[in-house]
Amino acid sequence: MALNVNELRNGTFFKEGSTIFQVLLYEHVKTGRGSGNIKLKVRNVRSGAVLEKSFITGARVDEADVEKKKAQFLYKDGDSFNFMDPQTFEQFSLSSSVLGEQAKYLVDGLEITLVVGEGEALGLELPMSLVYEVAETGPGERGNTVSNVYKEAILDNGLVVKVPMFLKAGEKVKVDTRTGTYIERVK
């Protein structure tokens, strides 16, 4: 089925030939005269390559046949990340090139939504935020409380995040998986 490029949004999948792309960034650009342009930043789901594409308003692309399934992250083995379907207990792996930046948020036992198309795993959707424990951070300095002062903290999964000065090792924090920033302390 053909899909109008005006309907493409962040996270949408579409096909060009046999290649499936995921839209990372959608932008509609209107010039003074003539028709507008749709500028897309897309990722080739098989190779992981990120490219920019431009279409005129009203152009059509093929809709990719994708479905979303629940899965659980099991472990990392070299360059591949292994997952399991909780209903069928079927195991499958994704390479780090397919996961890209999302790989750093994975911890053992994490429930995610897997995007499957044409019989192969194309990518995953993480929850908007995840909770991690602060493994290591510098000391909190007194006196710098007038403005928001942050320090670096290493979380239990190895992720480095800027956190407020009052946080100590062993405390739990919520991290935004879209931006990789600290949201709040979790009690």
Foldseek 3Di string as FASTA:
>chain_A
DKDFLVPAAQQFWFDDPNWIKGFHHWDWADDPDDFIKIKTFIAGLPQLDTDIDIDTGGDITGHFDKDKAKWWWAQDDVQWTKIARVPPRDIDIDGCSNAPLLVLVDDHGAIWIFIDGPHHTRYTHHPQKDKWFFADWDAQDPDPPPDFDWTWTQTPSRQIETDGSPDGGGWMFMAGSVPRYTDGTDD
